[in-house]
Structure formats: structure tokens, C-alpha cells
Protein backbone atom coordinates (compact mmCIF):
# COMPACT_ATOMS: atom_id res chain seq x y z
CA UNK A 1 0.09 0.14 0.18
CA UNK A 2 1.46 3.44 -1.12
CA UNK A 3 2.61 6.52 1.53
CA UNK A 4 -1.17 8.22 0.19
CA UNK A 5 -3.33 5.44 1.70
CA UNK A 6 -1.44 5.02 5.22
CA UNK A 7 -2.83 7.57 8.19
CA UNK A 8 -0.87 5.79 11.12
CA UNK A 9 2.13 8.33 10.69
CA UNK A 10 3.00 12.21 9.52
CA UNK A 11 4.32 10.71 6.27
CA UNK A 12 1.02 9.81 4.42
CA UNK A 13 0.07 13.93 4.68
CA UNK A 14 3.85 14.72 3.80
CA UNK A 15 3.57 12.11 0.33
CA UNK A 16 0.32 13.69 -0.10
CA UNK A 17 1.36 17.32 -0.16
CA UNK A 18 4.39 16.45 -2.33
CA UNK A 19 1.69 14.80 -5.07
CA UNK A 20 0.02 17.74 -4.96
CA UNK A 21 2.85 20.09 -5.53
CA UNK A 22 3.71 17.70 -8.43
CA UNK A 23 0.47 17.84 -10.17
CA UNK A 24 0.20 21.87 -9.61
CA UNK A 25 3.78 22.33 -10.57
CA UNK A 26 2.07 19.79 -14.05
CA UNK A 27 -0.62 22.21 -14.33
CA UNK A 28 1.70 25.28 -14.25
CA UNK A 29 3.73 24.45 -17.20
CA UNK A 30 0.66 23.36 -19.46
CA UNK A 31 -0.24 26.83 -18.82
CA UNK A 32 2.52 28.29 -20.01
CA UNK A 33 2.74 29.08 -23.54
CA UNK A 34 3.92 25.81 -25.54
CA UNK A 35 7.49 26.04 -27.08
CA UNK A 36 8.80 23.46 -29.74
CA UNK A 37 10.46 20.62 -27.73
CA UNK A 38 14.24 20.42 -27.67
CA UNK A 39 14.23 17.14 -28.85
CA UNK A 40 11.06 14.87 -29.41
CA UNK A 41 9.80 12.14 -27.25
CA UNK A 42 9.43 8.85 -28.09
CA UNK A 43 6.33 7.53 -28.00
CA UNK A 44 6.27 3.93 -28.75
CA UNK A 45 3.62 0.73 -28.28
CA UNK A 46 4.20 -0.96 -24.88
CA UNK A 47 5.87 -4.08 -24.32
CA UNK A 48 5.71 -6.67 -21.89
CA UNK A 49 8.83 -5.75 -19.98
CA UNK A 50 7.69 -2.18 -18.83
CA UNK A 51 4.87 -3.57 -16.72
CA UNK A 52 7.03 -3.05 -13.98
CA UNK A 53 7.77 0.41 -14.58
CA UNK A 54 4.27 1.47 -15.41
CA UNK A 55 3.48 0.02 -12.26
CA UNK A 56 5.84 2.00 -10.28
CA UNK A 57 4.58 4.99 -11.72
CA UNK A 58 0.84 4.21 -10.79
CA UNK A 59 1.91 3.88 -7.13
CA UNK A 60 3.71 7.11 -7.27
CA UNK A 61 0.82 9.11 -8.28
CA UNK A 62 -1.65 7.90 -5.34
CA UNK A 63 -4.38 7.72 -6.91
CA UNK A 64 -7.08 5.51 -5.55
CA UNK A 65 -7.55 3.13 -8.13
CA UNK A 66 -6.14 -0.58 -8.99
CA UNK A 67 -3.89 -1.21 -11.31
CA UNK A 68 -5.48 -2.18 -14.46
CA UNK A 69 -4.38 -6.12 -16.19
CA UNK A 70 -3.52 -4.62 -19.35
CA UNK A 71 -3.23 -8.38 -20.76
CA UNK A 72 -7.12 -7.78 -20.83
CA UNK A 73 -7.87 -7.48 -24.82
CA UNK A 74 -10.48 -4.68 -23.98
CA UNK A 75 -7.33 -2.30 -23.34
CA UNK A 76 -7.21 -1.60 -27.42
CA UNK A 77 -4.45 1.29 -27.11
CA UNK A 78 -0.87 1.27 -25.27
CA UNK A 79 1.42 3.80 -25.81
CA UNK A 80 4.73 4.81 -23.13
CA UNK A 81 6.72 7.68 -23.77
CA UNK A 82 10.27 6.81 -23.20
CA UNK A 83 12.67 9.59 -22.40
CA UNK A 84 16.52 9.12 -22.90
CA UNK A 85 18.84 9.16 -20.21
CA UNK A 86 21.91 11.83 -20.29
CA UNK A 87 25.26 11.03 -19.64
CA UNK A 88 27.76 12.28 -17.47
CA UNK A 89 28.88 15.37 -19.70
CA UNK A 90 24.70 16.22 -19.81
CA UNK A 91 24.84 15.08 -23.21
CA UNK A 92 22.05 13.37 -24.87
CA UNK A 93 22.90 9.86 -25.77
CA UNK A 94 22.95 8.52 -28.80
CA UNK A 95 19.95 6.81 -30.66
CA UNK A 96 21.16 3.23 -29.99
CA UNK A 97 22.39 3.76 -26.53
CA UNK A 98 18.96 6.17 -25.75
CA UNK A 99 16.80 2.87 -26.63
CA UNK A 100 18.73 0.89 -24.27
CA UNK A 101 19.11 3.56 -21.72
CA UNK A 102 15.74 4.99 -21.94
CA UNK A 103 13.26 4.98 -19.33
CA UNK A 104 9.07 5.23 -19.02
CA UNK A 105 8.10 8.68 -18.00
CA UNK A 106 4.33 7.96 -19.15
CA UNK A 107 1.92 6.33 -20.37
CA UNK A 108 -1.36 6.17 -22.16
CA UNK A 109 -3.82 2.91 -21.23
CA UNK A 110 -7.01 2.90 -23.37
CA UNK A 111 -10.16 0.52 -22.28
CA UNK A 112 -13.30 0.46 -24.20
CA UNK A 113 -16.04 1.35 -22.37
CA UNK A 114 -19.91 1.63 -23.95
CA UNK A 115 -22.40 4.29 -23.57
CA UNK A 116 -25.54 3.30 -23.76
CA UNK A 117 -28.71 5.03 -25.11
CA UNK A 118 -32.31 3.60 -24.89
CA UNK A 119 -35.59 4.91 -26.94
CA UNK A 120 -38.96 4.15 -25.32
CA UNK A 121 -42.10 5.52 -26.86
CA UNK A 122 -43.42 7.06 -24.07
CA UNK A 123 -47.13 6.17 -25.41
CA UNK A 124 -46.78 2.49 -25.72
CA UNK A 125 -48.94 0.66 -23.14
CA UNK A 126 -49.05 1.28 -19.42
CA UNK A 127 -45.87 2.33 -17.21
CA UNK A 128 -46.03 -1.10 -15.74
CA UNK A 129 -45.35 -2.55 -19.16
CA UNK A 130 -43.01 -0.18 -19.97
CA UNK A 131 -41.39 -0.84 -17.02
CA UNK A 132 -41.43 -4.61 -17.40
CA UNK A 133 -39.84 -4.21 -21.36
CA UNK A 134 -36.52 -2.17 -19.90
CA UNK A 135 -35.92 -5.30 -17.65
CA UNK A 136 -36.38 -7.74 -19.80
CA UNK A 137 -34.14 -5.08 -22.38
CA UNK A 138 -31.59 -4.68 -19.43
CA UNK A 139 -31.14 -8.40 -19.36
CA UNK A 140 -30.50 -9.24 -22.59
CA UNK A 141 -28.12 -5.95 -23.01
CA UNK A 142 -25.96 -7.23 -20.30
CA UNK A 143 -25.87 -10.28 -21.45
CA UNK A 144 -24.86 -9.08 -24.94
CA UNK A 145 -22.25 -6.95 -24.14
CA UNK A 146 -20.52 -8.89 -21.50
CA UNK A 147 -20.55 -11.93 -24.61
CA UNK A 148 -18.65 -8.80 -26.89
CA UNK A 149 -16.04 -8.49 -23.93
CA UNK A 150 -17.20 -5.41 -22.00
CA UNK A 151 -16.57 -4.67 -18.83
CA UNK A 152 -19.38 -1.84 -17.96
CA UNK A 153 -21.74 0.71 -19.01
CA UNK A 154 -22.37 4.39 -19.14
CA UNK A 155 -25.29 6.12 -19.32
CA UNK A 156 -25.94 10.14 -19.04
CA UNK A 157 -29.40 11.10 -18.33
CA UNK A 158 -31.17 14.27 -19.37
CA UNK A 159 -32.09 16.56 -16.64
CA UNK A 160 -35.60 16.38 -16.55
CA UNK A 161 -35.44 12.62 -15.84
CA UNK A 162 -32.31 12.46 -14.13
CA UNK A 163 -33.35 12.06 -10.38
CA UNK A 164 -36.23 10.00 -11.05
CA UNK A 165 -35.19 7.62 -14.09
CA UNK A 166 -31.68 7.24 -12.12
CA UNK A 167 -33.55 5.42 -8.78
CA UNK A 168 -34.81 3.38 -11.66
CA UNK A 169 -31.35 2.39 -12.53
CA UNK A 170 -29.80 2.30 -9.08
CA UNK A 171 -32.43 -0.76 -8.69
CA UNK A 172 -31.22 -2.63 -11.28
CA UNK A 173 -28.12 -2.06 -10.19
CA UNK A 174 -26.44 0.70 -11.43
CA UNK A 175 -24.02 2.78 -9.83
CA UNK A 176 -24.01 6.64 -9.29
CA UNK A 177 -20.25 7.33 -11.22
CA UNK A 178 -19.66 10.58 -10.77
CA UNK A 179 -16.88 10.90 -7.63
CA UNK A 180 -14.22 11.56 -10.27
CA UNK A 181 -15.30 14.08 -12.68
CA UNK A 182 -15.71 13.14 -16.42
CA UNK A 183 -13.62 14.62 -19.51
CA UNK A 184 -14.92 13.81 -22.83
CA UNK A 185 -12.80 13.94 -26.23
CA UNK A 186 -14.36 13.82 -29.50
CA UNK A 187 -12.12 12.12 -32.57
CA UNK A 188 -14.79 13.47 -35.02
CA UNK A 189 -13.06 16.86 -35.44
CA UNK A 190 -9.49 15.14 -36.38
CA UNK A 191 -10.92 12.88 -38.47
CA UNK A 192 -12.63 15.39 -40.49
CA UNK A 193 -9.64 17.58 -40.66
CA UNK A 194 -7.74 14.96 -41.62
CA UNK A 195 -9.92 14.02 -44.74
CA UNK A 196 -10.05 17.09 -45.92
């Protein structure tokens, strides 16, 4: 268990403060004017030999989630950033040495999930009829997604029905999952730009 998870000494608080300072420092740098890098970082696909390095980075970050199983085929993109170490004189190692002496400093791990859309005719049948259909569709949908290898599904509820329908979802085993702040990046703009 990392220092961030211990509460029996002052070490946890010190480590937590250091982590927050590191995140703030990262944010400060990201807000600065972007300058062309002196060297292009080496970005490559993940290899099994990288696992220990990624585990160490995960532990040092101290965030409260388990390290993922990267053998799961649901991880469709696994990229690492490798930074060449410098020799004693401060000069960067040559390309051959960098491939041997580089160390991993960052990684992106993309896992498939899905967004559920529910289309239901509000005038078809009684409320009980509609609920029975929802139960049947929920069971069938869960089995279908499991068979396709997915681990979870997400639903974003329109504000007018979020409270009422949210309670119904919770009765079916859904969890309100907004403890962490979600962000979305849409690739359509990049795809459209590349298509020009």
C-alpha cells in the first residue's frame, strides 16, 4: 500500500502534499506558452517488459484505483513515452544507447467502454408494461455486452429525468459514478480535418 493510503503516521500527509505539489507544477507548465521541444519524445507501443515501470509510476501517483490488467484485450491502445537518460557530461545519448538506456515517464492506456442510449416510446402501453420491457431489455443488453467482451456501460441522463430515472437504474444495479470529474474528447473533428 502506498504512503498516500496510510494514516498511521505523518508520512502519508507529507507524501500527499508532495503529490499535490507535483500535480500543480504539471498544471503550471501546461498553462505556459507551448514551445517546440528541443527533442521529440519517443512514443512507442507498450511491451510486457514495461509492466514494472508502469506499476511504479502508478504507485507514485497515489490515486485511488487499482492498476489495470493490461493483458485484457479490452485495452485497445497502450502507448508509452520513453525518455533517454543523459550521460555524465549532460549530453543526450545516441539513438542506439537511448533505446537501451531510456526510461518510461508516461503512458496512455485506452480501455473500451460503452455509452447506452435508451429509446422508449412514452405512449406505448401502461407504465407497468414499459417497466417490464425495460427489465427484459436490460437483462438482454447486459448479456449481449458481456458476450462482446465489455466490462461496463455508462449512461448520461437528461436533467429532467435524472433524479426519477436514476433511482430506477440504481434499483437495477447501476451506480452513480461521478466521484471523479469526467471529461470527453471527441475524435470527429480530427477525423474531419484529416479528411480534407
